[in-house]
N, C-alpha and C. Protein backbone atom coordinates (compact mmCIF):
# COMPACT_ATOMS: atom_id res chain seq x y z
N UNK A 1 -17.89 4.62 17.49
CA UNK A 1 -15.91 4.42 17.39
C UNK A 1 -15.83 3.02 18.78
N UNK A 2 -15.42 1.74 18.86
CA UNK A 2 -15.00 1.54 19.50
C UNK A 2 -13.74 1.43 20.25
N UNK A 3 -13.50 1.64 21.93
CA UNK A 3 -12.06 1.77 22.43
C UNK A 3 -11.52 0.39 21.70
N UNK A 4 -11.58 -0.64 20.84
CA UNK A 4 -10.41 -1.23 20.51
C UNK A 4 -10.06 -0.91 19.09
N UNK A 5 -10.62 0.00 19.41
CA UNK A 5 -10.24 0.79 17.69
C UNK A 5 -10.21 1.80 17.40
N UNK A 6 -9.79 2.28 18.33
CA UNK A 6 -8.51 4.06 18.62
C UNK A 6 -7.35 3.87 19.29
N UNK A 7 -6.79 4.48 17.96
CA UNK A 7 -5.34 4.25 18.14
C UNK A 7 -4.87 4.36 19.67
N UNK A 8 -3.20 5.11 19.58
CA UNK A 8 -2.63 5.29 20.31
C UNK A 8 -3.15 6.28 21.08
N UNK A 9 -3.29 7.05 19.56
CA UNK A 9 -3.67 8.67 20.00
C UNK A 9 -5.28 8.61 20.47
N UNK A 10 -5.95 8.04 20.41
CA UNK A 10 -7.36 8.27 20.78
C UNK A 10 -7.92 8.86 19.82
N UNK A 11 -7.09 8.51 18.22
CA UNK A 11 -8.06 9.29 17.00
C UNK A 11 -8.57 8.42 16.30
N UNK A 12 -8.05 7.07 16.09
CA UNK A 12 -8.93 6.28 15.27
C UNK A 12 -8.31 5.88 14.28
N UNK A 13 -7.48 6.53 14.00
CA UNK A 13 -6.21 6.89 12.77
C UNK A 13 -6.16 5.68 12.78
N UNK A 14 -5.94 4.75 11.47
CA UNK A 14 -5.25 3.42 11.10
C UNK A 14 -5.09 3.34 9.47
N UNK A 15 -3.78 2.86 9.65
CA UNK A 15 -3.73 1.32 7.98
C UNK A 15 -3.40 0.10 8.18
N UNK A 16 -4.27 -0.18 6.83
CA UNK A 16 -4.49 -1.66 6.89
C UNK A 16 -4.40 -1.99 6.11
N UNK A 17 -3.27 -3.38 5.43
CA UNK A 17 -2.80 -3.90 4.30
C UNK A 17 -3.71 -5.32 4.54
N UNK A 18 -4.79 -5.26 3.12
CA UNK A 18 -5.26 -7.28 3.50
C UNK A 18 -4.89 -7.73 1.75
N UNK A 19 -4.54 -8.09 2.20
CA UNK A 19 -3.59 -9.31 1.07
C UNK A 19 -4.18 -11.04 1.20
N UNK A 20 -3.85 -11.73 0.11
CA UNK A 20 -4.35 -12.93 0.01
C UNK A 20 -3.30 -14.64 -0.32
N UNK A 21 -3.11 -15.06 0.84
CA UNK A 21 -2.16 -15.99 -0.10
C UNK A 21 -2.63 -17.74 -0.43
N UNK A 22 -2.53 -17.97 -1.17
CA UNK A 22 -3.36 -18.78 -1.37
C UNK A 22 -4.43 -19.52 -1.22
N UNK A 23 -5.79 -20.14 -0.34
CA UNK A 23 -6.79 -19.41 0.08
C UNK A 23 -7.46 -18.55 1.05
N UNK A 24 -7.09 -17.90 1.69
CA UNK A 24 -7.37 -17.28 2.81
C UNK A 24 -6.21 -15.49 2.74
N UNK A 25 -7.34 -14.60 3.40
CA UNK A 25 -6.77 -13.59 3.25
C UNK A 25 -6.34 -13.45 4.71
N UNK A 26 -5.19 -12.43 4.86
CA UNK A 26 -5.31 -11.44 6.14
C UNK A 26 -5.14 -10.13 5.81
N UNK A 27 -4.51 -10.54 7.59
CA UNK A 27 -4.92 -8.63 7.43
C UNK A 27 -4.08 -7.96 8.64
N UNK A 28 -3.16 -7.05 8.04
CA UNK A 28 -1.79 -6.43 9.23
C UNK A 28 -2.69 -4.93 9.33
N UNK A 29 -2.21 -4.10 10.01
CA UNK A 29 -1.48 -3.12 10.98
C UNK A 29 -0.72 -2.17 10.12
N UNK A 30 -0.69 -1.48 9.29
CA UNK A 30 0.77 -0.33 9.22
C UNK A 30 1.00 0.55 10.08
N UNK A 31 2.41 1.15 9.97
CA UNK A 31 2.05 2.60 10.93
C UNK A 31 1.43 2.90 10.70
N UNK A 32 1.33 3.63 12.26
CA UNK A 32 -0.44 4.87 11.81
C UNK A 32 0.18 6.36 11.69
N UNK A 33 1.20 5.63 11.34
CA UNK A 33 2.09 7.15 10.42
C UNK A 33 1.40 7.18 8.63
N UNK A 34 1.84 6.13 8.57
CA UNK A 34 0.91 6.02 7.27
C UNK A 34 -0.64 6.67 6.51
N UNK A 35 -1.02 6.55 7.89
CA UNK A 35 -2.34 7.36 7.57
C UNK A 35 -2.06 9.38 7.10
N UNK A 36 -0.79 9.69 7.10
CA UNK A 36 -1.22 10.99 6.91
C UNK A 36 0.23 10.78 5.38
N UNK A 37 0.62 9.47 4.82
CA UNK A 37 1.79 10.07 3.59
C UNK A 37 1.66 8.39 2.86
N UNK A 38 1.36 8.99 1.39
CA UNK A 38 0.20 8.09 -0.02
C UNK A 38 2.25 7.67 0.18
N UNK A 39 2.74 8.34 -0.04
CA UNK A 39 3.84 7.30 -0.86
C UNK A 39 4.06 6.27 -0.28
N UNK A 40 4.23 6.73 1.28
CA UNK A 40 4.22 5.69 2.42
C UNK A 40 3.74 4.08 2.06
N UNK A 41 2.86 4.77 2.34
CA UNK A 41 1.47 4.24 2.85
C UNK A 41 1.34 2.79 0.92
N UNK A 42 2.36 2.60 -0.26
CA UNK A 42 2.57 2.67 -1.21
C UNK A 42 3.38 2.17 -1.26
N UNK A 43 4.72 2.72 -0.46
CA UNK A 43 5.54 1.71 -0.65
C UNK A 43 5.54 0.24 -0.35
N UNK A 44 4.61 0.73 1.65
CA UNK A 44 4.93 -0.61 2.03
C UNK A 44 3.70 -1.32 1.51
N UNK A 45 2.72 -1.65 0.30
CA UNK A 45 1.91 -2.25 0.15
C UNK A 45 2.77 -2.82 -1.33
N UNK A 46 3.45 -2.55 -1.87
CA UNK A 46 4.41 -2.48 -2.75
C UNK A 46 5.45 -3.58 -1.99
N UNK A 47 5.51 -4.05 -0.72
CA UNK A 47 6.33 -5.20 0.01
C UNK A 47 6.23 -6.00 0.00
N UNK A 48 4.59 -5.93 -0.30
CA UNK A 48 3.47 -6.95 0.92
C UNK A 48 2.81 -7.60 -0.79
N UNK A 49 4.11 -9.20 -1.20
CA UNK A 49 2.83 -10.31 -2.28
C UNK A 49 1.85 -10.76 -1.52
N UNK A 50 1.01 -11.03 -2.50
CA UNK A 50 -0.24 -10.80 -3.00
C UNK A 50 -1.08 -12.01 -4.31
N UNK A 51 -0.80 -12.74 -4.26
CA UNK A 51 -1.79 -13.50 -5.62
C UNK A 51 -3.06 -12.44 -6.58
N UNK A 52 -3.38 -10.82 -5.27
CA UNK A 52 -4.38 -10.91 -6.34
C UNK A 52 -4.29 -9.14 -5.70
N UNK A 53 -3.23 -8.64 -5.65
CA UNK A 53 -2.29 -7.21 -5.11
C UNK A 53 -3.71 -7.17 -3.91
N UNK A 54 -1.98 -6.46 -3.62
CA UNK A 54 -1.76 -5.80 -1.54
C UNK A 54 -3.35 -4.46 -1.60
N UNK A 55 -3.43 -4.62 -1.00
CA UNK A 55 -4.88 -3.88 -0.13
C UNK A 55 -4.85 -2.78 0.83
N UNK A 56 -4.45 -1.63 0.88
CA UNK A 56 -4.39 -0.94 1.72
C UNK A 56 -5.15 -0.31 2.50
N UNK A 57 -5.75 -0.08 3.44
CA UNK A 57 -7.06 0.59 3.62
C UNK A 57 -6.69 1.51 4.89
N UNK A 58 -6.77 2.80 4.72
CA UNK A 58 -6.53 3.83 5.43
C UNK A 58 -7.67 5.02 6.09
N UNK A 59 -7.66 4.79 7.59
CA UNK A 59 -9.61 5.79 7.97
C UNK A 59 -8.45 6.56 8.84
N UNK A 60 -9.51 8.10 8.50
CA UNK A 60 -8.86 9.32 9.00
C UNK A 60 -9.86 10.01 9.48
N UNK A 61 -9.83 9.63 11.22
CA UNK A 61 -10.79 10.79 12.16
C UNK A 61 -12.11 10.05 11.28
N UNK A 62 -13.11 11.01 11.71
CA UNK A 62 -14.49 11.04 11.14
C UNK A 62 -14.99 10.96 9.76
N UNK A 63 -12.95 11.01 9.17
CA UNK A 63 -14.48 12.26 8.20
C UNK A 63 -13.99 11.59 7.03
N UNK A 64 -12.98 10.91 6.35
CA UNK A 64 -13.12 9.82 5.17
C UNK A 64 -11.98 9.00 5.28
N UNK A 65 -11.71 7.64 4.59
CA UNK A 65 -10.92 6.75 3.63
C UNK A 65 -10.75 6.78 3.23
N UNK A 66 -9.51 6.00 2.38
CA UNK A 66 -8.81 5.87 1.18
C UNK A 66 -8.56 4.39 1.24
N UNK A 67 -9.03 4.28 -0.20
CA UNK A 67 -8.56 2.54 -0.08
C UNK A 67 -7.42 2.64 -2.05
N UNK A 68 -6.24 1.12 -1.19
CA UNK A 68 -5.41 1.53 -2.48
C UNK A 68 -4.88 0.25 -2.15
N UNK A 69 -4.81 -0.11 -3.77
CA UNK A 69 -4.41 -1.26 -4.42
C UNK A 69 -2.93 -1.49 -5.65
N UNK A 70 -2.48 -1.98 -4.72
CA UNK A 70 -1.00 -2.35 -5.93
C UNK A 70 -1.53 -3.64 -6.41
N UNK A 71 -0.96 -4.04 -7.48
CA UNK A 71 -0.73 -4.72 -8.38
C UNK A 71 1.40 -4.71 -9.08
N UNK A 72 2.14 -5.23 -7.67
CA UNK A 72 3.16 -5.77 -8.68
C UNK A 72 4.17 -4.16 -8.48
N UNK A 73 5.12 -3.55 -9.22
CA UNK A 73 5.33 -2.43 -8.89
C UNK A 73 4.41 -1.01 -8.79
N UNK A 74 4.02 -1.29 -10.10
CA UNK A 74 3.71 -0.45 -11.11
C UNK A 74 1.80 -0.03 -11.52
N UNK A 75 1.95 -0.56 -11.16
CA UNK A 75 0.01 -0.45 -11.24
C UNK A 75 -0.54 -0.10 -9.25
N UNK A 76 -1.41 0.19 -9.10
CA UNK A 76 -2.42 1.28 -8.89
C UNK A 76 -3.48 2.45 -8.77
N UNK A 77 -3.94 1.72 -8.13
CA UNK A 77 -5.21 2.42 -8.28
C UNK A 77 -5.36 2.38 -6.75
N UNK A 78 -6.21 3.54 -6.55
CA UNK A 78 -6.83 4.57 -5.19
C UNK A 78 -7.94 5.41 -5.00
N UNK A 79 -8.75 4.75 -4.21
CA UNK A 79 -9.73 5.43 -3.62
C UNK A 79 -10.28 6.45 -3.38
N UNK A 80 -10.90 7.58 -3.29
CA UNK A 80 -10.72 9.06 -1.76
C UNK A 80 -12.79 9.02 -1.46
N UNK A 81 -13.02 8.94 -0.61
CA UNK A 81 -14.43 8.98 -0.32
C UNK A 81 -14.59 9.84 -0.17
N UNK A 82 -14.06 11.14 0.00
CA UNK A 82 -14.61 12.57 0.10
C UNK A 82 -14.24 13.61 0.08
N UNK A 83 -13.46 13.77 -1.41
CA UNK A 83 -12.57 15.24 -1.90
C UNK A 83 -11.78 15.87 -1.45
N UNK A 84 -13.81 16.65 -0.63
CA UNK A 84 -13.70 17.78 0.79
C UNK A 84 -12.12 17.93 2.09
N UNK A 85 -12.33 16.29 1.71
CA UNK A 85 -10.77 15.94 3.48
C UNK A 85 -9.47 17.33 2.05
N UNK A 86 -9.48 17.07 1.78
CA UNK A 86 -8.52 17.67 1.04
C UNK A 86 -8.68 18.85 1.50
N UNK A 87 -9.58 19.83 1.97
CA UNK A 87 -8.71 20.82 2.67
C UNK A 87 -8.24 21.11 4.09
N UNK A 88 -8.67 19.71 4.38
CA UNK A 88 -7.81 19.78 6.16
C UNK A 88 -6.51 18.80 6.60
N UNK A 89 -6.65 17.92 5.28
CA UNK A 89 -6.01 16.12 5.63
C UNK A 89 -5.03 16.32 4.51
N UNK A 90 -3.65 16.59 4.21
CA UNK A 90 -2.70 16.40 4.02
C UNK A 90 -2.64 15.30 2.66
N UNK A 91 -2.99 13.06 3.39
CA UNK A 91 -3.20 12.50 3.16
C UNK A 91 -4.12 12.94 2.32
N UNK A 92 -5.17 13.49 2.16
CA UNK A 92 -5.98 13.07 1.17
C UNK A 92 -5.43 14.43 -0.21
N UNK A 93 -4.67 15.73 0.27
CA UNK A 93 -4.85 16.64 -1.07
C UNK A 93 -3.76 15.62 -1.25
N UNK A 94 -2.74 14.25 -1.24
CA UNK A 94 -1.82 14.26 -1.26
C UNK A 94 -2.69 12.78 -2.02
N UNK A 95 -3.81 12.02 -2.39
CA UNK A 95 -4.53 11.28 -3.30
C UNK A 95 -4.14 12.00 -4.54
N UNK A 96 -5.58 13.61 -4.22
CA UNK A 96 -6.12 14.24 -5.24
C UNK A 96 -5.10 14.51 -6.00
N UNK A 97 -3.41 14.69 -5.30
CA UNK A 97 -1.90 15.17 -6.13
C UNK A 97 -2.25 14.50 -7.80
N UNK A 98 -2.20 12.63 -6.73
CA UNK A 98 -1.25 11.41 -7.03
C UNK A 98 -2.49 10.87 -8.85
N UNK A 99 -3.77 11.00 -8.07
CA UNK A 99 -4.65 11.41 -9.26
C UNK A 99 -4.72 12.76 -9.75
N UNK A 100 -4.55 12.93 -10.08
CA UNK A 100 -4.32 14.25 -11.13
C UNK A 100 -5.80 14.70 -10.95
N UNK A 101 -6.04 15.66 -10.09
CA UNK A 101 -7.68 15.70 -10.15
C UNK A 101 -7.22 17.49 -8.79
N UNK A 102 -7.53 18.09 -9.16
CA UNK A 102 -7.51 19.82 -8.35
C UNK A 102 -8.82 19.52 -7.09
N UNK A 103 -8.29 20.17 -6.02
CA UNK A 103 -8.79 20.13 -4.88
C UNK A 103 -10.21 20.84 -4.59
N UNK A 104 -11.19 21.16 -4.47
CA UNK A 104 -12.24 21.26 -4.69
C UNK A 104 -12.32 22.95 -4.48
N UNK A 105 -13.35 23.05 -5.11
CA UNK A 105 -13.53 25.28 -4.14
C UNK A 105 -14.51 25.06 -2.98
N UNK A 106 -14.14 26.66 -2.74
CA UNK A 106 -15.41 26.48 -1.61
C UNK A 106 -16.99 26.39 -1.72
N UNK A 107 -17.69 26.40 -2.98
CA UNK A 107 -18.21 26.08 -3.21
C UNK A 107 -18.97 25.07 -3.06
N UNK A 108 -17.76 24.09 -3.45
CA UNK A 108 -18.66 22.38 -3.16
C UNK A 108 -18.27 21.75 -2.12
N UNK A 109 -18.13 22.29 -1.35
CA UNK A 109 -17.44 20.94 0.09
C UNK A 109 -19.12 20.85 0.81
N UNK A 110 -19.97 21.65 0.65
CA UNK A 110 -21.44 21.51 1.28
C UNK A 110 -21.57 18.98 1.00
N UNK A 111 -20.75 18.27 -0.03
CA UNK A 111 -20.90 17.60 -0.90
C UNK A 111 -19.82 16.72 -0.40
N UNK A 112 -20.02 15.36 0.19
CA UNK A 112 -19.05 14.03 0.03
C UNK A 112 -18.92 13.48 -1.50
N UNK A 113 -17.89 13.67 -2.10
CA UNK A 113 -17.49 13.00 -3.08
C UNK A 113 -16.66 13.26 -3.29
N UNK A 114 -17.02 11.58 -3.40
CA UNK A 114 -15.71 10.27 -3.93
C UNK A 114 -15.75 11.11 -4.87
N UNK A 115 -14.02 10.57 -5.49
CA UNK A 115 -12.55 10.28 -6.45
C UNK A 115 -11.88 9.23 -6.28
N UNK A 116 -11.52 8.77 -7.67
CA UNK A 116 -10.09 8.05 -7.96
C UNK A 116 -11.43 6.90 -9.25
N UNK A 117 -10.42 5.35 -8.45
CA UNK A 117 -11.11 4.04 -9.04
C UNK A 117 -12.01 3.98 -7.97
N UNK A 118 -13.54 3.82 -8.27
CA UNK A 118 -14.21 2.74 -7.85
C UNK A 118 -14.27 1.60 -7.99
N UNK A 119 -13.56 1.25 -9.48
CA UNK A 119 -13.32 -0.45 -9.70
C UNK A 119 -12.15 -0.80 -8.83
N UNK A 120 -12.35 -0.60 -7.42
CA UNK A 120 -10.65 -0.50 -7.45
C UNK A 120 -10.84 -1.87 -6.85
N UNK A 121 -12.10 -2.84 -6.47
CA UNK A 121 -12.03 -3.53 -5.73
C UNK A 121 -13.10 -4.51 -6.97
N UNK A 122 -13.54 -4.54 -7.80
CA UNK A 122 -15.04 -4.49 -8.55
C UNK A 122 -14.65 -6.38 -9.04
N UNK A 123 -13.61 -6.24 -8.86
CA UNK A 123 -13.29 -8.35 -9.45
C UNK A 123 -12.93 -8.94 -7.91
N UNK A 124 -13.14 -8.81 -6.80
CA UNK A 124 -13.13 -9.03 -5.92
C UNK A 124 -14.83 -9.15 -5.71
N UNK A 125 -15.67 -8.69 -5.74
CA UNK A 125 -16.62 -9.24 -5.36
C UNK A 125 -17.59 -7.58 -4.57
N UNK A 126 -16.77 -6.20 -5.00
CA UNK A 126 -18.04 -4.91 -4.52
C UNK A 126 -17.57 -4.20 -5.90
N UNK A 127 -18.66 -4.41 -6.53
CA UNK A 127 -18.74 -2.53 -7.85
C UNK A 127 -18.60 -1.22 -7.62
N UNK A 128 -18.82 -0.84 -8.42
CA UNK A 128 -18.70 0.18 -8.08
C UNK A 128 -19.64 1.11 -7.67
N UNK A 129 -20.92 0.46 -8.02
CA UNK A 129 -22.29 1.03 -7.49
C UNK A 129 -22.51 0.82 -5.40
N UNK A 130 -21.96 0.21 -5.31
CA UNK A 130 -22.12 -0.45 -3.97
C UNK A 130 -20.69 0.74 -3.20
N UNK A 131 -19.58 0.46 -3.95
CA UNK A 131 -18.28 1.17 -2.97
C UNK A 131 -18.98 2.50 -3.15
N UNK A 132 -19.32 3.15 -4.12
CA UNK A 132 -20.15 4.83 -4.05
C UNK A 132 -21.19 4.89 -2.89
N UNK A 133 -22.07 3.72 -3.51
CA UNK A 133 -22.95 4.12 -1.73
C UNK A 133 -21.95 3.71 -1.06
N UNK A 134 -21.47 2.86 -0.01
CA UNK A 134 -20.12 3.56 1.04
C UNK A 134 -20.43 3.80 1.37
N UNK A 135 -19.40 4.58 -0.25
CA UNK A 135 -18.16 6.29 0.85
C UNK A 135 -19.32 7.04 0.74
N UNK A 136 -20.66 6.78 0.34
CA UNK A 136 -22.26 7.92 0.44
C UNK A 136 -22.81 7.74 1.52
N UNK A 137 -22.51 6.53 2.56
CA UNK A 137 -23.18 7.03 3.10
C UNK A 137 -22.98 7.49 5.08
N UNK A 138 -23.61 9.01 4.50
CA UNK A 138 -23.50 9.42 5.60
C UNK A 138 -23.75 9.18 8.23
N UNK A 139 -24.54 8.03 7.83
CA UNK A 139 -24.30 7.35 8.55
C UNK A 139 -23.22 6.21 9.61
N UNK A 140 -22.17 6.13 8.31
CA UNK A 140 -21.63 5.27 8.84
C UNK A 140 -19.44 5.81 8.96
N UNK A 141 -19.10 5.22 9.68
CA UNK A 141 -17.82 5.91 10.16
C UNK A 141 -16.52 5.61 9.11
N UNK A 142 -15.59 6.19 8.86
CA UNK A 142 -14.86 5.61 8.16
C UNK A 142 -14.46 3.74 9.03
N UNK A 143 -14.09 3.76 9.55
CA UNK A 143 -13.99 2.40 10.55
C UNK A 143 -14.40 1.46 10.25
N UNK A 144 -16.34 1.68 10.21
CA UNK A 144 -17.29 1.16 9.90
C UNK A 144 -17.54 1.03 8.39
N UNK A 145 -17.46 1.78 7.38
CA UNK A 145 -17.12 1.41 6.19
C UNK A 145 -16.25 0.49 5.79
N UNK A 146 -14.74 0.70 5.99
CA UNK A 146 -14.45 -0.56 5.94
C UNK A 146 -14.44 -1.59 6.45
N UNK A 147 -14.25 -1.57 7.74
CA UNK A 147 -15.46 -3.12 7.96
C UNK A 147 -16.45 -4.06 7.41
N UNK A 148 -17.79 -3.29 6.55
CA UNK A 148 -18.49 -3.41 5.59
C UNK A 148 -17.52 -4.43 4.42
N UNK A 149 -16.91 -3.04 4.17
CA UNK A 149 -16.31 -3.95 2.79
C UNK A 149 -14.88 -4.82 2.83
N UNK A 150 -14.48 -4.68 4.43
CA UNK A 150 -13.77 -6.22 5.05
C UNK A 150 -14.44 -7.08 4.57
N UNK A 151 -15.86 -7.34 5.17
CA UNK A 151 -16.76 -8.93 5.32
C UNK A 151 -17.26 -8.80 3.83
N UNK A 152 -17.77 -7.81 3.12
CA UNK A 152 -18.23 -7.80 2.14
C UNK A 152 -16.63 -8.70 1.54
N UNK A 153 -15.57 -8.78 1.06
CA UNK A 153 -14.61 -9.39 0.62
C UNK A 153 -14.84 -10.54 1.08
N UNK A 154 -14.92 -11.60 2.35
CA UNK A 154 -14.01 -12.21 3.01
C UNK A 154 -13.00 -11.89 3.81
N UNK A 155 -12.67 -10.82 4.25
CA UNK A 155 -11.60 -10.89 5.23
C UNK A 155 -12.37 -10.24 7.07
N UNK A 156 -13.52 -9.73 6.80
CA UNK A 156 -13.68 -9.23 8.82
C UNK A 156 -13.31 -10.21 9.79
N UNK A 157 -13.18 -10.92 10.31
CA UNK A 157 -12.12 -11.58 11.06
C UNK A 157 -10.74 -11.08 11.07
N UNK A 158 -10.20 -11.54 10.12
CA UNK A 158 -9.03 -10.83 9.75
C UNK A 158 -9.27 -9.67 10.39
N UNK A 159 -9.52 -9.01 10.19
CA UNK A 159 -9.84 -7.01 9.73
C UNK A 159 -10.08 -6.80 11.33
N UNK A 160 -11.22 -7.63 11.41
CA UNK A 160 -10.80 -6.73 13.14
C UNK A 160 -9.69 -7.80 14.19
N UNK A 161 -9.10 -8.59 13.53
CA UNK A 161 -8.62 -9.47 14.49
C UNK A 161 -7.29 -7.73 14.29
N UNK A 162 -6.85 -7.78 13.92
CA UNK A 162 -6.18 -6.87 13.19
C UNK A 162 -6.38 -5.06 13.96
N UNK A 163 -7.57 -4.49 13.98
CA UNK A 163 -8.17 -3.52 15.28
C UNK A 163 -7.86 -3.57 16.16
N UNK A 164 -8.04 -5.88 16.66
CA UNK A 164 -8.20 -5.42 18.32
C UNK A 164 -6.10 -5.39 17.91
N UNK A 165 -5.65 -5.71 17.60
CA UNK A 165 -4.32 -5.94 17.93
C UNK A 165 -3.74 -3.64 18.43
N UNK A 166 -4.86 -2.73 18.39
CA UNK A 166 -3.77 -1.58 17.89
C UNK A 166 -3.95 -0.54 19.71
N UNK A 167 -5.03 -1.28 20.48
CA UNK A 167 -5.14 -0.83 21.57
C UNK A 167 -4.34 -1.63 22.66
């Protein structure tokens, strides 16, 4: 993780919203507190008008990421890269509660298992198989996976500009 990608506390946690207006994408950082508050994140995404739905991208530590996409008031899709994160991280537990998925048992904590809507970005060009492969790549940190997703969807420059504003 580069210096530019670390938050004020050095943790590297961040929340960002990507949205499309006309023919271009824009990315804004959201308050870092939203990395711990799923309801707050969804509220922030609903405030962002977008022709393809607002996409929330949350990176937490070196452990996991969350993708959330909101269309209008009630249509919400969420993807969690690793259900085992719910043992240590409140926001991961909140995602599992939202998805109505039980927390993993101790026997299942040695596997990285994604949860939620794997097709959350498929209409934008990132299919389920590709998202699953990215989530399961143990050589990539969550912020690197999100940067790769931003590149595949065509908003890498806006994503990098937003992250550079963190430090």
